[in-house]
Amino acid sequence: MLVLFNGFYMHTYWKFYWPLALTGVGMVLSLQFQNATLARYPEAVTELAVLALAYGVFGTFNAGMQFIAQLSNVYARSVVATQRSWLFVLIISFCIMLPLAFIASTEVGAQLIAHIFSIEATIVARVTHYLALMCPLIVLNGQRHYYSGLLVQSRLTGWMTMFNFIYLGAVVITLLLGFAAGAEPVYVVVGAETVGVILFIGLLLYARYHLYVPPEKPEHEHVTYIELLYFFVPVSTTGVMFALSRPILFAFVARAPDGILAIAALRVAFDFSMIFQQAANQFRHFFITFGFDDIEQKKKFLTLVTLGITAMMLIFALTPLSTILWADLMGLPSDLVNIARDVSLIMCLMPAIIIYRNFFHSRLMMSRKTGGMAYGSIIRVIGIYLSAQIFFSLGLLNHIIATFILILGFIIEAVIARQSSIRVLAKEHALNQ
């Protein structure tokens, strides 16, 4: 009987999780097709490096949007709370977009990019061109994540998966059409992403008004914008700090010999690893939805998923699959592929670290005590910066060291998330006595 009981819960967890994991995977698969498209252009290494730098800057601002789905999942549980949280997301999206627009459109912004990455003026101009076109994606992604959170709240993860792959198909078709038309890379890449996101939002709006079922018991009817801000700022800081990790590493790697090649390879490897990291990141939704009762069964489920994700990454990194994908199918140069393969092997450590961290992040979000998440992410970035500075000063920084530095940063964050969660639980236990 116990085996059947456990099997039922495992089936329930898996039925909820796998569409969500596929949705996360689909969200970053578009990056692989972007890389494959740019690999077909002349000077592919430069094109990939420019996009890596542009996404590094854009991602710093866009990363705050990643936690909008958790905000709507937690708070949009009554008519009033849904209206207020939606308006909050719209306003905060524009506030985040404005500084990016300033960087993209002013000489001050161009000088800042040139100083941070130590790149020449022609590359800076191409990076700012990307950023100018990417600005509207901040607002669009805010809406996409908001309505995605509502569908997850209503356990419509299967629909989310279908919508996400429709989005992916739209991106791929637009990339192919743009490349075939001979359009400039910046218009092809950003145009495809914009078309895909707009279509995705349209599908989510259909689900919101035709499929979504609100919670039976209304919650957070008296939520204030200040409370939403207190929730959002710490969790968005976590996303921003995550996004800053790459630009910091790129800023040091750019100063090393063959910096452009190394940056291009790191983007390719990091983007591929993000496929698996996104699957791991969905456990924040998992615990918000199912809670922390029956915790031993949930831990077993986490362990099985962690082993599965890591095994898939190892198979890719240790077999000819990496060469088939990056060299044969995408047409990337052999020197770039060799670097990317080394990096992807090291990144196999990441899923276990992320799932461990996200377990404690979920506890903090359920308690609505997200300050520990922000603190951990800030210390992670400081650790990455200091480590990169030390190894660069010693003349030892290369793609291998840079990847281990990234891993170290996430270990630091996971430890702090654990300690913060323990403190919050201890306070809650004391109050309940």
Protein backbone atom coordinates (compact mmCIF):
# COMPACT_ATOMS: atom_id res chain seq x y z
CA MET A 1 0.00 0.00 0.00
CA LEU A 2 2.83 2.41 0.87
CA VAL A 3 4.50 1.69 -2.48
CA LEU A 4 1.26 2.48 -4.31
CA PHE A 5 0.81 5.63 -2.25
CA ASN A 6 4.34 6.80 -3.03
CA GLY A 7 3.91 5.88 -6.67
CA PHE A 8 0.76 7.98 -6.87
CA TYR A 9 2.57 11.04 -5.58
CA MET A 10 5.57 10.46 -7.84
CA HIS A 11 3.17 10.24 -10.79
CA THR A 12 1.45 13.46 -9.69
CA TYR A 13 4.75 15.26 -9.31
CA TRP A 14 6.05 14.05 -12.65
CA LYS A 15 2.79 14.90 -14.45
CA PHE A 16 3.09 18.47 -13.15
CA TYR A 17 6.85 18.83 -13.58
CA TRP A 18 7.67 17.48 -17.03
CA PRO A 19 5.54 19.95 -19.03
CA LEU A 20 7.01 22.75 -16.90
CA ALA A 21 10.54 21.46 -17.55
CA LEU A 22 9.85 21.26 -21.28
CA THR A 23 8.55 24.82 -21.15
CA GLY A 24 11.78 25.97 -19.52
CA VAL A 25 13.79 24.07 -22.11
CA GLY A 26 11.79 25.54 -24.95
CA MET A 27 12.39 29.06 -23.65
CA VAL A 28 16.16 28.71 -24.12
CA LEU A 29 16.17 26.47 -27.20
CA SER A 30 15.63 29.62 -29.24
CA LEU A 31 19.17 30.65 -28.21
CA GLN A 32 20.53 27.54 -29.92
CA PHE A 33 18.79 28.46 -33.16
CA GLN A 34 20.08 32.03 -32.86
CA ASN A 35 23.61 30.69 -32.52
CA ALA A 36 23.09 28.33 -35.44
CA THR A 37 21.82 31.18 -37.63
CA LEU A 38 24.73 33.48 -36.77
CA ALA A 39 27.16 30.64 -37.48
CA ARG A 40 26.06 30.82 -41.12
CA TYR A 41 27.11 34.46 -41.48
CA PRO A 42 30.61 35.56 -42.50
CA GLU A 43 32.84 36.14 -39.45
CA ALA A 44 30.65 33.88 -37.35
CA VAL A 45 32.90 34.16 -34.29
CA THR A 46 32.54 37.95 -34.24
CA GLU A 47 28.77 37.74 -34.74
CA LEU A 48 28.44 35.33 -31.81
CA ALA A 49 30.67 37.47 -29.61
CA VAL A 50 28.67 40.64 -30.40
CA LEU A 51 25.43 38.85 -29.54
CA ALA A 52 27.01 37.47 -26.35
CA LEU A 53 27.98 40.97 -25.23
CA ALA A 54 24.58 42.42 -26.17
CA TYR A 55 22.71 39.67 -24.35
CA GLY A 56 25.03 40.11 -21.39
CA VAL A 57 23.89 43.72 -21.01
CA PHE A 58 20.27 43.06 -21.96
CA GLY A 59 20.09 40.07 -19.65
CA THR A 60 21.09 42.20 -16.68
CA PHE A 61 17.83 44.12 -17.08
CA ASN A 62 15.65 41.34 -18.46
CA ALA A 63 16.61 38.95 -15.66
CA GLY A 64 14.36 40.79 -13.25
CA MET A 65 11.42 39.67 -15.38
CA GLN A 66 12.20 35.99 -14.79
CA PHE A 67 10.55 36.05 -11.36
CA ILE A 68 7.33 37.71 -12.50
CA ALA A 69 5.85 34.23 -12.96
CA GLN A 70 6.49 33.44 -9.30
CA LEU A 71 4.96 36.78 -8.28
CA SER A 72 1.72 36.12 -10.17
CA ASN A 73 1.67 32.50 -8.97
CA VAL A 74 1.95 33.61 -5.34
CA TYR A 75 -0.17 36.79 -5.32
CA ALA A 76 -2.71 36.70 -8.20
CA ARG A 77 -5.24 34.66 -6.22
CA SER A 78 -8.20 37.06 -6.11
CA VAL A 79 -9.73 39.61 -8.46
CA VAL A 80 -8.21 42.57 -6.64
CA ALA A 81 -4.79 40.97 -6.25
CA THR A 82 -4.75 39.94 -9.91
CA GLN A 83 -5.52 43.48 -11.07
CA ARG A 84 -2.95 45.07 -8.78
CA SER A 85 -0.20 42.58 -9.53
CA TRP A 86 -0.75 42.98 -13.29
CA LEU A 87 -0.53 46.78 -13.09
CA PHE A 88 2.53 46.48 -10.86
CA VAL A 89 4.23 44.27 -13.47
CA LEU A 90 3.42 46.70 -16.27
CA ILE A 91 4.83 49.70 -14.38
CA ILE A 92 7.93 47.90 -13.15
CA SER A 93 8.64 46.63 -16.69
CA PHE A 94 8.77 50.16 -18.06
CA CYS A 95 10.93 51.28 -15.12
CA ILE A 96 13.42 48.52 -15.89
CA MET A 97 13.39 49.26 -19.62
CA LEU A 98 14.26 52.97 -19.26
CA PRO A 99 17.90 52.61 -18.10
CA LEU A 100 18.52 50.03 -20.84
CA ALA A 101 17.16 52.50 -23.40
CA PHE A 102 19.52 55.14 -21.99
CA ILE A 103 22.54 52.86 -22.40
CA ALA A 104 21.47 51.91 -25.92
CA SER A 105 20.84 55.44 -27.18
CA THR A 106 23.44 57.71 -25.58
CA GLU A 107 27.15 58.30 -25.91
CA VAL A 108 27.50 57.78 -22.16
CA GLY A 109 26.05 54.29 -22.55
CA ALA A 110 28.39 53.48 -25.44
CA GLN A 111 31.41 54.65 -23.44
CA LEU A 112 30.30 52.54 -20.49
CA ILE A 113 30.10 49.41 -22.65
CA ALA A 114 33.49 50.14 -24.22
CA HIS A 115 35.07 50.61 -20.79
CA ILE A 116 33.56 47.49 -19.21
CA PHE A 117 34.37 45.08 -22.04
CA SER A 118 37.47 46.81 -23.48
CA ILE A 119 36.16 46.51 -27.04
CA GLU A 120 36.67 48.72 -30.06
CA ALA A 121 34.19 51.33 -31.27
CA THR A 122 32.84 49.26 -34.17
CA ILE A 123 31.88 46.42 -31.85
CA VAL A 124 30.36 48.87 -29.35
CA ALA A 125 28.15 50.34 -32.08
CA ARG A 126 26.86 46.90 -32.99
CA VAL A 127 26.17 46.04 -29.36
CA THR A 128 24.18 49.24 -28.75
CA HIS A 129 22.21 48.60 -31.97
CA TYR A 130 21.14 45.25 -30.55
CA LEU A 131 20.21 46.85 -27.23
CA ALA A 132 18.06 49.54 -28.84
CA LEU A 133 16.01 46.90 -30.66
CA MET A 134 15.77 44.71 -27.55
CA CYS A 135 14.24 47.36 -25.28
CA PRO A 136 10.56 46.51 -26.02
CA LEU A 137 11.27 42.88 -25.11
CA ILE A 138 11.54 43.93 -21.45
CA VAL A 139 7.87 44.95 -21.35
CA LEU A 140 6.76 42.04 -23.52
CA ASN A 141 8.59 39.51 -21.36
CA GLY A 142 6.98 40.98 -18.25
CA GLN A 143 3.55 40.17 -19.69
CA ARG A 144 4.66 36.75 -20.89
CA HIS A 145 5.93 35.74 -17.46
CA TYR A 146 2.91 37.20 -15.66
CA TYR A 147 0.39 35.13 -17.60
CA SER A 148 2.69 32.10 -17.51
CA GLY A 149 2.56 32.26 -13.72
CA LEU A 150 -1.26 32.20 -13.82
CA LEU A 151 -1.27 29.06 -15.95
CA VAL A 152 1.20 27.34 -13.63
CA GLN A 153 -0.96 28.35 -10.66
CA SER A 154 -3.93 26.64 -12.34
CA ARG A 155 -1.72 23.61 -13.15
CA LEU A 156 -2.13 24.13 -16.89
CA THR A 157 1.49 23.19 -17.50
CA GLY A 158 0.61 21.02 -20.49
CA TRP A 159 -0.83 24.03 -22.28
CA MET A 160 2.27 26.01 -21.33
CA THR A 161 4.45 23.41 -23.02
CA MET A 162 2.39 23.49 -26.21
CA PHE A 163 2.42 27.31 -26.32
CA ASN A 164 6.15 27.37 -25.74
CA PHE A 165 6.91 25.10 -28.65
CA ILE A 166 4.61 27.12 -30.90
CA TYR A 167 6.67 30.14 -29.83
CA LEU A 168 9.85 28.24 -30.63
CA GLY A 169 8.54 27.29 -34.06
CA ALA A 170 7.71 30.93 -34.80
CA VAL A 171 11.23 31.98 -33.78
CA VAL A 172 12.86 29.34 -35.97
CA ILE A 173 10.72 30.17 -39.02
CA THR A 174 11.41 33.90 -38.63
CA LEU A 175 15.15 33.24 -38.27
CA LEU A 176 15.16 31.16 -41.45
CA LEU A 177 13.14 33.72 -43.39
CA GLY A 178 15.32 36.59 -42.19
CA PHE A 179 18.54 34.78 -43.07
CA ALA A 180 17.19 33.74 -46.49
CA ALA A 181 16.22 37.36 -47.17
CA GLY A 182 19.79 38.47 -46.45
CA ALA A 183 18.81 40.69 -43.53
CA GLU A 184 21.42 41.93 -41.08
CA PRO A 185 22.02 39.60 -38.11
CA VAL A 186 20.68 42.11 -35.57
CA TYR A 187 17.30 42.35 -37.33
CA VAL A 188 17.10 38.60 -37.85
CA VAL A 189 17.84 37.69 -34.22
CA VAL A 190 15.85 40.40 -32.43
CA GLY A 191 13.03 40.33 -34.96
CA ALA A 192 12.57 36.57 -34.55
CA GLU A 193 12.50 36.85 -30.76
CA THR A 194 9.99 39.70 -30.85
CA VAL A 195 7.64 37.87 -33.22
CA GLY A 196 7.81 34.75 -31.04
CA VAL A 197 7.12 36.57 -27.77
CA ILE A 198 4.14 38.49 -29.20
CA LEU A 199 2.64 35.22 -30.45
CA PHE A 200 3.30 33.61 -27.06
CA ILE A 201 1.49 36.43 -25.25
CA GLY A 202 -1.48 36.04 -27.58
CA LEU A 203 -1.72 32.32 -26.75
CA LEU A 204 -1.39 33.01 -23.03
CA LEU A 205 -4.19 35.58 -23.17
CA TYR A 206 -6.42 32.99 -24.82
CA ALA A 207 -5.66 30.54 -22.00
CA ARG A 208 -6.14 33.24 -19.35
CA TYR A 209 -9.71 33.96 -20.44
CA HIS A 210 -10.80 30.52 -21.65
CA LEU A 211 -8.89 27.91 -19.62
CA TYR A 212 -7.65 29.49 -16.40
CA VAL A 213 -9.55 28.64 -13.22
CA PRO A 214 -8.84 30.96 -10.25
CA PRO A 215 -8.28 29.52 -6.77
CA GLU A 216 -11.46 28.49 -4.96
CA LYS A 217 -10.46 30.48 -1.90
CA PRO A 218 -9.50 34.10 -2.73
CA GLU A 219 -6.26 35.27 -1.16
CA HIS A 220 -4.28 38.52 -0.88
CA GLU A 221 -7.37 40.68 -1.42
CA HIS A 222 -5.72 43.51 0.49
CA VAL A 223 -2.29 43.26 -1.10
CA THR A 224 -0.57 46.62 -1.58
CA TYR A 225 1.89 47.76 -4.21
CA ILE A 226 4.47 48.18 -1.44
CA GLU A 227 4.07 44.52 -0.48
CA LEU A 228 4.47 43.50 -4.13
CA LEU A 229 7.57 45.67 -4.35
CA TYR A 230 9.03 44.09 -1.20
CA PHE A 231 8.48 40.66 -2.73
CA PHE A 232 9.73 41.58 -6.19
CA VAL A 233 12.90 43.54 -5.44
CA PRO A 234 14.75 40.74 -3.62
CA VAL A 235 13.77 38.00 -6.10
CA SER A 236 14.47 40.21 -9.10
CA THR A 237 17.84 41.06 -7.57
CA THR A 238 18.54 37.32 -7.63
CA GLY A 239 17.80 37.30 -11.37
CA VAL A 240 19.85 40.42 -12.04
CA MET A 241 22.81 39.02 -10.13
CA PHE A 242 22.52 35.82 -12.16
CA ALA A 243 22.59 37.83 -15.36
CA LEU A 244 25.57 39.86 -14.17
CA SER A 245 27.66 36.71 -13.76
CA ARG A 246 28.27 36.35 -17.49
CA PRO A 247 29.15 39.99 -18.26
CA ILE A 248 31.62 40.05 -15.37
CA LEU A 249 33.38 36.97 -16.68
CA PHE A 250 33.23 38.27 -20.26
CA ALA A 251 34.77 41.58 -19.14
CA PHE A 252 37.85 39.75 -17.84
CA VAL A 253 38.01 37.13 -20.60
CA ALA A 254 37.85 39.89 -23.24
CA ARG A 255 41.21 41.16 -21.99
CA ALA A 256 42.87 37.76 -22.38
CA PRO A 257 44.49 36.51 -25.62
CA ASP A 258 41.86 35.39 -28.16
CA GLY A 259 39.21 37.02 -25.98
CA ILE A 260 36.60 37.27 -28.74
CA LEU A 261 36.94 33.56 -29.54
CA ALA A 262 36.66 32.63 -25.87
CA ILE A 263 33.57 34.81 -25.36
CA ALA A 264 31.88 33.27 -28.40
CA ALA A 265 32.65 29.75 -27.13
CA LEU A 266 31.48 30.54 -23.61
CA ARG A 267 28.19 31.85 -24.99
CA VAL A 268 27.64 28.68 -27.01
CA ALA A 269 28.42 26.41 -24.04
CA PHE A 270 26.55 28.48 -21.45
CA ASP A 271 23.49 28.73 -23.70
CA PHE A 272 23.45 24.97 -24.21
CA SER A 273 23.84 24.37 -20.48
CA MET A 274 20.90 26.72 -19.88
CA ILE A 275 18.63 24.10 -21.47
CA PHE A 276 19.27 21.87 -18.47
CA GLN A 277 19.45 24.70 -15.94
CA GLN A 278 15.99 25.86 -16.97
CA ALA A 279 14.63 22.40 -16.29
CA ALA A 280 16.23 22.58 -12.84
CA ASN A 281 14.87 26.08 -12.20
CA GLN A 282 11.25 24.94 -12.48
CA PHE A 283 11.40 23.50 -8.97
CA ARG A 284 10.58 26.94 -7.60
CA HIS A 285 7.10 26.52 -9.13
CA PHE A 286 6.99 22.91 -7.94
CA PHE A 287 7.23 23.78 -4.26
CA ILE A 288 5.02 26.87 -4.50
CA THR A 289 2.31 24.60 -5.94
CA PHE A 290 2.73 21.45 -3.81
CA GLY A 291 4.17 22.88 -0.61
CA PHE A 292 6.63 21.16 1.73
CA ASP A 293 4.56 18.38 3.25
CA ASP A 294 5.54 14.81 2.32
CA ILE A 295 9.04 16.26 2.05
CA GLU A 296 10.91 12.94 1.84
CA GLN A 297 9.02 11.93 -1.30
CA LYS A 298 9.68 15.32 -2.82
CA LYS A 299 13.39 15.02 -2.03
CA LYS A 300 13.48 11.61 -3.74
CA PHE A 301 11.83 13.15 -6.78
CA LEU A 302 14.37 16.00 -6.80
CA THR A 303 17.23 13.51 -6.59
CA LEU A 304 15.93 11.44 -9.51
CA VAL A 305 15.48 14.52 -11.68
CA THR A 306 18.94 15.83 -10.74
CA LEU A 307 20.59 12.55 -11.70
CA GLY A 308 18.68 12.44 -14.97
CA ILE A 309 19.57 15.99 -16.00
CA THR A 310 23.24 15.52 -15.07
CA ALA A 311 23.43 12.22 -16.97
CA MET A 312 22.08 13.85 -20.14
CA MET A 313 24.64 16.65 -19.88
CA LEU A 314 27.49 14.16 -19.40
CA ILE A 315 26.40 12.11 -22.39
CA PHE A 316 26.46 15.22 -24.55
CA ALA A 317 29.84 16.44 -23.29
CA LEU A 318 31.65 13.08 -23.38
CA THR A 319 30.38 11.70 -26.68
CA PRO A 320 30.56 12.90 -30.30
CA LEU A 321 27.13 14.50 -29.86
CA SER A 322 28.73 17.86 -29.08
CA THR A 323 30.76 17.75 -32.30
CA ILE A 324 27.72 16.66 -34.31
CA LEU A 325 25.62 19.55 -32.99
CA TRP A 326 28.13 22.37 -32.94
CA ALA A 327 30.45 21.47 -35.82
CA ASP A 328 28.38 19.39 -38.24
CA LEU A 329 24.91 20.89 -37.79
CA MET A 330 25.66 24.45 -36.67
CA GLY A 331 28.90 24.80 -38.64
CA LEU A 332 30.91 26.39 -35.84
CA PRO A 333 34.72 26.58 -36.20
CA SER A 334 36.66 23.68 -34.68
CA ASP A 335 38.65 25.85 -32.25
CA LEU A 336 35.41 27.29 -30.88
CA VAL A 337 33.86 23.82 -30.58
CA ASN A 338 36.85 22.51 -28.61
CA ILE A 339 36.55 25.32 -26.05
CA ALA A 340 32.76 24.96 -25.80
CA ARG A 341 33.08 21.21 -25.19
CA ASP A 342 35.47 21.76 -22.27
CA VAL A 343 33.12 24.32 -20.75
CA SER A 344 30.01 22.13 -21.16
CA LEU A 345 31.71 19.26 -19.32
CA ILE A 346 32.42 21.47 -16.30
CA MET A 347 28.87 22.84 -16.41
CA CYS A 348 27.58 19.33 -15.64
CA LEU A 349 28.07 20.31 -12.00
CA MET A 350 25.48 23.05 -12.26
CA PRO A 351 22.07 21.24 -12.14
CA ALA A 352 22.70 19.70 -8.71
CA ILE A 353 23.82 23.05 -7.29
CA ILE A 354 20.83 24.89 -8.78
CA ILE A 355 18.24 22.36 -7.57
CA TYR A 356 19.78 22.40 -4.08
CA ARG A 357 19.66 26.22 -4.07
CA ASN A 358 16.12 26.35 -5.45
CA PHE A 359 14.83 24.10 -2.68
CA PHE A 360 15.73 26.81 -0.17
CA HIS A 361 14.65 29.63 -2.51
CA SER A 362 11.19 28.04 -2.58
CA ARG A 363 11.02 28.02 1.20
CA LEU A 364 11.93 31.71 1.29
CA MET A 365 9.33 32.61 -1.35
CA MET A 366 6.59 30.61 0.38
CA SER A 367 7.41 32.48 3.59
CA ARG A 368 7.51 35.73 1.59
CA LYS A 369 10.93 36.44 3.13
CA THR A 370 12.92 36.86 -0.06
CA GLY A 371 15.64 39.12 1.30
CA GLY A 372 17.95 36.14 1.79
CA MET A 373 17.72 35.38 -1.93
CA ALA A 374 18.92 38.86 -2.83
CA TYR A 375 21.73 38.75 -0.27
CA GLY A 376 22.96 35.39 -1.56
CA SER A 377 22.92 36.50 -5.19
CA ILE A 378 24.85 39.69 -4.39
CA ILE A 379 27.53 37.75 -2.51
CA ARG A 380 27.71 35.32 -5.44
CA VAL A 381 28.49 38.15 -7.88
CA ILE A 382 31.05 39.64 -5.52
CA GLY A 383 32.69 36.22 -5.23
CA ILE A 384 32.77 35.83 -9.02
CA TYR A 385 34.25 39.30 -9.50
CA LEU A 386 36.96 38.85 -6.86
CA SER A 387 37.90 35.39 -8.12
CA ALA A 388 38.08 36.58 -11.74
CA GLN A 389 40.18 39.57 -10.67
CA ILE A 390 42.63 37.36 -8.77
CA PHE A 391 43.10 34.83 -11.56
CA PHE A 392 43.33 37.57 -14.20
CA SER A 393 45.99 39.37 -12.17
CA LEU A 394 47.96 36.13 -11.92
CA GLY A 395 47.67 35.59 -15.69
CA LEU A 396 45.81 32.31 -15.17
CA LEU A 397 42.32 33.24 -16.38
CA ASN A 398 41.08 31.17 -19.30
CA HIS A 399 37.79 29.52 -20.28
CA ILE A 400 38.32 26.61 -17.86
CA ILE A 401 39.05 28.83 -14.85
CA ALA A 402 36.20 31.19 -15.82
CA THR A 403 33.72 28.30 -15.80
CA PHE A 404 34.89 27.02 -12.41
CA ILE A 405 34.57 30.58 -11.07
CA LEU A 406 30.94 30.61 -12.23
CA ILE A 407 30.33 27.30 -10.46
CA LEU A 408 31.95 28.64 -7.29
CA GLY A 409 29.62 31.64 -7.32
CA PHE A 410 26.54 29.41 -7.36
CA ILE A 411 27.90 27.27 -4.53
CA ILE A 412 28.30 30.42 -2.44
CA GLU A 413 24.73 31.45 -3.22
CA ALA A 414 23.35 28.00 -2.37
CA VAL A 415 25.05 28.01 1.03
CA ILE A 416 23.66 31.45 1.87
CA ALA A 417 20.15 30.43 0.69
CA ARG A 418 20.30 27.43 3.01
CA GLN A 419 21.34 29.52 6.00
CA SER A 420 18.68 32.16 5.27
CA SER A 421 15.99 29.48 5.01
CA ILE A 422 17.04 27.92 8.32
CA ARG A 423 16.82 31.30 10.05
CA VAL A 424 13.37 32.05 8.61
CA LEU A 425 12.02 28.63 9.60
CA ALA A 426 13.43 29.05 13.11
CA LYS A 427 11.66 32.41 13.50
CA GLU A 428 8.37 30.99 12.22
CA HIS A 429 8.66 28.04 14.61
CA ALA A 430 9.33 30.39 17.54
CA LEU A 431 6.29 32.51 16.67
CA ASN A 432 4.02 29.47 16.46
CA GLN A 433 4.98 28.23 19.92
